[in-house]
N, C-alpha and C. Protein backbone atom coordinates (compact mmCIF):
# COMPACT_ATOMS: atom_id res chain seq x y z
N MET A 1 131.93 -70.92 172.27
CA MET A 1 131.13 -70.44 171.15
C MET A 1 131.52 -71.21 169.89
N SER A 2 130.52 -71.79 169.23
CA SER A 2 130.82 -72.58 168.05
C SER A 2 130.81 -71.70 166.81
N HIS A 3 131.68 -72.03 165.89
CA HIS A 3 131.72 -71.33 164.62
C HIS A 3 132.13 -72.33 163.54
N ALA A 4 131.98 -71.89 162.29
CA ALA A 4 132.28 -72.76 161.16
C ALA A 4 132.81 -71.92 160.01
N VAL A 5 133.44 -72.60 159.07
CA VAL A 5 133.87 -71.97 157.82
C VAL A 5 133.08 -72.64 156.71
N ILE A 6 132.31 -71.83 155.97
CA ILE A 6 131.47 -72.36 154.90
C ILE A 6 131.93 -71.80 153.56
N VAL A 7 131.53 -72.48 152.49
CA VAL A 7 131.82 -72.02 151.13
C VAL A 7 130.50 -71.80 150.42
N THR A 8 130.32 -70.60 149.86
CA THR A 8 129.16 -70.32 149.02
C THR A 8 129.56 -69.26 148.00
N GLY A 9 129.17 -69.47 146.77
CA GLY A 9 129.49 -68.52 145.71
C GLY A 9 130.98 -68.43 145.43
N GLY A 10 131.73 -69.49 145.73
CA GLY A 10 133.16 -69.48 145.47
C GLY A 10 133.98 -68.74 146.50
N LYS A 11 133.34 -68.30 147.61
CA LYS A 11 134.04 -67.58 148.66
C LYS A 11 133.86 -68.31 149.98
N GLN A 12 134.81 -68.10 150.88
CA GLN A 12 134.75 -68.74 152.20
C GLN A 12 134.36 -67.69 153.25
N PHE A 13 133.53 -68.11 154.20
CA PHE A 13 133.06 -67.23 155.26
C PHE A 13 133.18 -67.93 156.60
N ARG A 14 133.66 -67.20 157.61
CA ARG A 14 133.69 -67.70 158.99
C ARG A 14 132.43 -67.20 159.66
N VAL A 15 131.58 -68.12 160.10
CA VAL A 15 130.28 -67.75 160.65
C VAL A 15 130.07 -68.36 162.02
N ALA A 16 129.25 -67.69 162.82
CA ALA A 16 128.82 -68.18 164.13
C ALA A 16 127.34 -67.88 164.25
N ALA A 17 126.66 -68.54 165.17
CA ALA A 17 125.23 -68.33 165.36
C ALA A 17 124.97 -66.87 165.73
N GLY A 18 123.97 -66.27 165.07
CA GLY A 18 123.62 -64.88 165.33
C GLY A 18 124.27 -63.89 164.38
N ASP A 19 125.28 -64.29 163.64
CA ASP A 19 125.95 -63.39 162.70
C ASP A 19 125.04 -63.08 161.50
N VAL A 20 125.19 -61.88 160.95
CA VAL A 20 124.56 -61.53 159.68
C VAL A 20 125.69 -61.36 158.67
N VAL A 21 125.65 -62.18 157.62
CA VAL A 21 126.74 -62.25 156.66
C VAL A 21 126.20 -61.93 155.27
N ARG A 22 126.96 -61.14 154.50
CA ARG A 22 126.61 -60.84 153.11
C ARG A 22 127.32 -61.84 152.21
N VAL A 23 126.54 -62.73 151.60
CA VAL A 23 127.10 -63.73 150.71
C VAL A 23 126.69 -63.39 149.28
N PRO A 24 127.37 -63.93 148.26
CA PRO A 24 126.93 -63.70 146.89
C PRO A 24 125.48 -64.14 146.70
N SER A 25 124.79 -63.51 145.78
CA SER A 25 123.34 -63.66 145.61
C SER A 25 122.89 -65.12 145.60
N LEU A 26 121.84 -65.38 146.39
CA LEU A 26 121.22 -66.70 146.47
C LEU A 26 119.82 -66.61 145.87
N ASP A 27 119.34 -67.72 145.33
CA ASP A 27 118.00 -67.77 144.76
C ASP A 27 117.03 -68.18 145.84
N ALA A 28 116.69 -67.25 146.74
CA ALA A 28 115.75 -67.51 147.83
C ALA A 28 115.06 -66.20 148.18
N ASN A 29 113.84 -66.30 148.68
CA ASN A 29 113.08 -65.11 149.07
C ASN A 29 113.43 -64.68 150.48
N VAL A 30 113.13 -63.41 150.79
CA VAL A 30 113.37 -62.89 152.14
C VAL A 30 112.51 -63.68 153.13
N GLY A 31 113.12 -64.14 154.20
CA GLY A 31 112.42 -64.93 155.20
C GLY A 31 112.58 -66.42 155.01
N ASP A 32 113.04 -66.85 153.85
CA ASP A 32 113.25 -68.28 153.60
C ASP A 32 114.45 -68.79 154.39
N GLY A 33 114.41 -70.07 154.73
CA GLY A 33 115.54 -70.72 155.37
C GLY A 33 116.45 -71.33 154.31
N VAL A 34 117.75 -71.20 154.50
CA VAL A 34 118.71 -71.82 153.60
C VAL A 34 119.68 -72.65 154.44
N GLU A 35 120.24 -73.66 153.81
CA GLU A 35 121.19 -74.53 154.52
C GLU A 35 122.46 -74.63 153.70
N PHE A 36 123.58 -74.37 154.35
CA PHE A 36 124.89 -74.49 153.72
C PHE A 36 125.50 -75.80 154.20
N ASP A 37 125.67 -76.76 153.28
CA ASP A 37 126.23 -78.05 153.67
C ASP A 37 127.67 -78.23 153.20
N ASN A 38 128.21 -77.19 152.55
CA ASN A 38 129.61 -77.21 152.12
C ASN A 38 130.45 -76.57 153.24
N VAL A 39 130.68 -77.32 154.32
CA VAL A 39 131.34 -76.81 155.52
C VAL A 39 132.77 -77.34 155.56
N LEU A 40 133.75 -76.42 155.62
CA LEU A 40 135.15 -76.82 155.62
C LEU A 40 135.69 -77.09 157.01
N MET A 41 135.16 -76.40 158.03
CA MET A 41 135.66 -76.54 159.39
C MET A 41 134.55 -76.23 160.39
N VAL A 42 134.53 -76.96 161.49
CA VAL A 42 133.58 -76.72 162.57
C VAL A 42 134.33 -76.72 163.88
N SER A 43 134.01 -75.73 164.73
CA SER A 43 134.61 -75.66 166.07
C SER A 43 133.49 -75.46 167.07
N ASP A 44 133.51 -76.23 168.17
CA ASP A 44 132.50 -76.05 169.22
C ASP A 44 133.07 -75.35 170.44
N GLY A 45 134.20 -74.72 170.31
CA GLY A 45 134.82 -74.00 171.41
C GLY A 45 136.01 -74.74 172.00
N SER A 46 135.91 -76.08 172.06
CA SER A 46 137.02 -76.85 172.62
C SER A 46 137.68 -77.75 171.57
N THR A 47 136.88 -78.31 170.68
CA THR A 47 137.45 -79.17 169.64
C THR A 47 137.22 -78.56 168.27
N VAL A 48 138.17 -78.79 167.38
CA VAL A 48 138.09 -78.29 166.01
C VAL A 48 138.09 -79.49 165.08
N THR A 49 137.11 -79.52 164.16
CA THR A 49 137.02 -80.57 163.17
C THR A 49 137.26 -79.96 161.79
N VAL A 50 138.29 -80.44 161.11
CA VAL A 50 138.63 -79.93 159.79
C VAL A 50 138.31 -81.01 158.78
N GLY A 51 137.60 -80.64 157.72
CA GLY A 51 137.20 -81.60 156.71
C GLY A 51 138.29 -81.86 155.70
N ALA A 52 138.07 -82.93 154.92
CA ALA A 52 139.02 -83.26 153.86
C ALA A 52 138.26 -83.67 152.62
N PRO A 53 137.72 -82.79 151.82
CA PRO A 53 137.74 -81.33 151.93
C PRO A 53 136.61 -80.76 152.79
N THR A 54 135.49 -81.49 152.97
CA THR A 54 134.40 -80.96 153.79
C THR A 54 134.14 -81.87 154.97
N VAL A 55 133.48 -81.31 155.98
CA VAL A 55 133.13 -82.08 157.17
C VAL A 55 131.84 -82.84 156.88
N ALA A 56 131.87 -84.17 157.01
CA ALA A 56 130.70 -84.99 156.72
C ALA A 56 129.62 -84.77 157.77
N GLY A 57 128.40 -84.54 157.32
CA GLY A 57 127.28 -84.38 158.23
C GLY A 57 127.13 -83.00 158.84
N ALA A 58 128.02 -82.10 158.55
CA ALA A 58 127.94 -80.75 159.13
C ALA A 58 127.07 -79.87 158.23
N ALA A 59 126.31 -78.98 158.87
CA ALA A 59 125.45 -78.07 158.12
C ALA A 59 125.28 -76.78 158.92
N VAL A 60 125.12 -75.69 158.20
CA VAL A 60 124.87 -74.38 158.81
C VAL A 60 123.52 -73.91 158.29
N ARG A 61 122.61 -73.60 159.21
CA ARG A 61 121.28 -73.14 158.83
C ARG A 61 121.21 -71.63 158.99
N ALA A 62 120.54 -70.98 158.02
CA ALA A 62 120.46 -69.52 158.03
C ALA A 62 119.10 -69.09 157.48
N THR A 63 118.77 -67.82 157.72
CA THR A 63 117.55 -67.21 157.22
C THR A 63 117.92 -66.00 156.38
N VAL A 64 117.28 -65.85 155.23
CA VAL A 64 117.55 -64.71 154.34
C VAL A 64 116.95 -63.45 154.95
N VAL A 65 117.78 -62.41 155.11
CA VAL A 65 117.36 -61.15 155.70
C VAL A 65 117.02 -60.13 154.62
N GLU A 66 117.88 -59.99 153.62
CA GLU A 66 117.64 -59.03 152.54
C GLU A 66 118.48 -59.36 151.32
N HIS A 67 118.07 -58.76 150.21
CA HIS A 67 118.85 -58.79 148.97
C HIS A 67 119.26 -57.36 148.66
N GLY A 68 120.40 -57.19 148.02
CA GLY A 68 120.82 -55.84 147.67
C GLY A 68 121.99 -55.86 146.72
N ARG A 69 122.55 -54.68 146.51
CA ARG A 69 123.73 -54.53 145.66
C ARG A 69 124.77 -53.75 146.42
N GLY A 70 126.02 -54.15 146.27
CA GLY A 70 127.12 -53.53 147.00
C GLY A 70 127.48 -52.17 146.44
N ASP A 71 128.53 -51.59 146.99
CA ASP A 71 129.01 -50.30 146.54
C ASP A 71 129.55 -50.40 145.12
N LYS A 72 129.51 -49.26 144.41
CA LYS A 72 129.97 -49.24 143.03
C LYS A 72 131.50 -49.29 142.99
N VAL A 73 132.01 -50.12 142.10
CA VAL A 73 133.44 -50.22 141.83
C VAL A 73 133.66 -49.68 140.43
N ILE A 74 134.58 -48.74 140.27
CA ILE A 74 134.87 -48.15 138.98
C ILE A 74 136.01 -48.93 138.31
N VAL A 75 135.78 -49.37 137.07
CA VAL A 75 136.78 -50.06 136.28
C VAL A 75 137.22 -49.09 135.19
N PHE A 76 138.47 -48.67 135.22
CA PHE A 76 138.97 -47.68 134.26
C PHE A 76 140.17 -48.27 133.53
N LYS A 77 140.04 -48.39 132.22
CA LYS A 77 141.13 -48.94 131.40
C LYS A 77 141.64 -47.84 130.47
N PHE A 78 142.94 -47.81 130.26
CA PHE A 78 143.48 -46.87 129.28
C PHE A 78 144.80 -47.38 128.76
N LYS A 79 145.13 -46.92 127.56
CA LYS A 79 146.44 -47.20 126.98
C LYS A 79 147.09 -45.85 126.71
N ARG A 80 148.24 -45.63 127.30
CA ARG A 80 148.86 -44.32 127.17
C ARG A 80 149.28 -44.04 125.73
N ARG A 81 149.14 -42.78 125.36
CA ARG A 81 149.51 -42.27 124.04
C ARG A 81 148.69 -42.87 122.89
N LYS A 82 147.63 -43.57 123.15
CA LYS A 82 146.84 -44.18 122.09
C LYS A 82 145.41 -43.65 122.06
N GLN A 83 145.08 -42.66 122.91
CA GLN A 83 143.73 -42.10 122.99
C GLN A 83 142.67 -43.17 123.26
N TYR A 84 143.03 -44.19 124.03
CA TYR A 84 142.08 -45.24 124.39
C TYR A 84 141.75 -45.12 125.86
N LYS A 85 140.48 -44.88 126.16
CA LYS A 85 140.00 -44.83 127.54
C LYS A 85 138.65 -45.52 127.59
N LYS A 86 138.42 -46.28 128.66
CA LYS A 86 137.15 -46.96 128.84
C LYS A 86 136.81 -46.93 130.32
N LYS A 87 135.66 -46.38 130.66
CA LYS A 87 135.23 -46.31 132.05
C LYS A 87 133.96 -47.12 132.21
N GLN A 88 133.96 -47.97 133.23
CA GLN A 88 132.84 -48.87 133.44
C GLN A 88 132.61 -49.01 134.93
N GLY A 89 131.36 -49.09 135.35
CA GLY A 89 131.03 -49.28 136.75
C GLY A 89 130.43 -50.66 136.97
N HIS A 90 130.53 -51.15 138.20
CA HIS A 90 129.98 -52.47 138.52
C HIS A 90 129.49 -52.49 139.96
N ARG A 91 128.32 -53.07 140.18
CA ARG A 91 127.78 -53.28 141.53
C ARG A 91 127.43 -54.75 141.67
N GLN A 92 128.11 -55.41 142.60
CA GLN A 92 127.91 -56.85 142.82
C GLN A 92 126.69 -57.07 143.70
N GLY A 93 125.85 -58.00 143.30
CA GLY A 93 124.68 -58.34 144.11
C GLY A 93 125.05 -59.18 145.31
N PHE A 94 124.25 -59.06 146.38
CA PHE A 94 124.50 -59.85 147.59
C PHE A 94 123.19 -60.27 148.21
N THR A 95 123.27 -61.27 149.08
CA THR A 95 122.16 -61.70 149.91
C THR A 95 122.66 -61.70 151.34
N ALA A 96 121.97 -60.97 152.22
CA ALA A 96 122.34 -60.96 153.63
C ALA A 96 121.58 -62.09 154.32
N VAL A 97 122.31 -62.96 155.05
CA VAL A 97 121.69 -64.07 155.77
C VAL A 97 122.07 -63.99 157.24
N ARG A 98 121.12 -64.36 158.11
CA ARG A 98 121.37 -64.44 159.54
C ARG A 98 121.58 -65.92 159.89
N ILE A 99 122.72 -66.20 160.49
CA ILE A 99 123.06 -67.59 160.83
C ILE A 99 122.25 -68.00 162.06
N GLU A 100 121.48 -69.07 161.92
CA GLU A 100 120.65 -69.55 163.02
C GLU A 100 121.38 -70.59 163.87
N SER A 101 122.00 -71.58 163.21
CA SER A 101 122.67 -72.63 163.98
C SER A 101 123.81 -73.24 163.17
N VAL A 102 124.79 -73.74 163.91
CA VAL A 102 125.92 -74.47 163.34
C VAL A 102 125.83 -75.88 163.90
N ALA A 103 125.58 -76.87 163.03
CA ALA A 103 125.38 -78.24 163.50
C ALA A 103 126.40 -79.17 162.87
């Protein structure tokens, strides 16, 4: 089974064909095809190719499944004995993609 390590949105993901992965938001519509060409490593089951820093000619093709927002993270700041409190929430956007092929 072949898999690869790709970089998108400043994060690294280990992907294989058929996987559905939540990556940071991409500017693409649902159903569109996207290609990740920033591939750090490719494995075809028997041989492993590691890039320096990326593997030349390697690409991972995927299809956008959905867009959404992750779970809420609460950011709470305070300074003791100073009556300072600040509560803030954050929801990070994501794009779910289905990996079609690792080439």
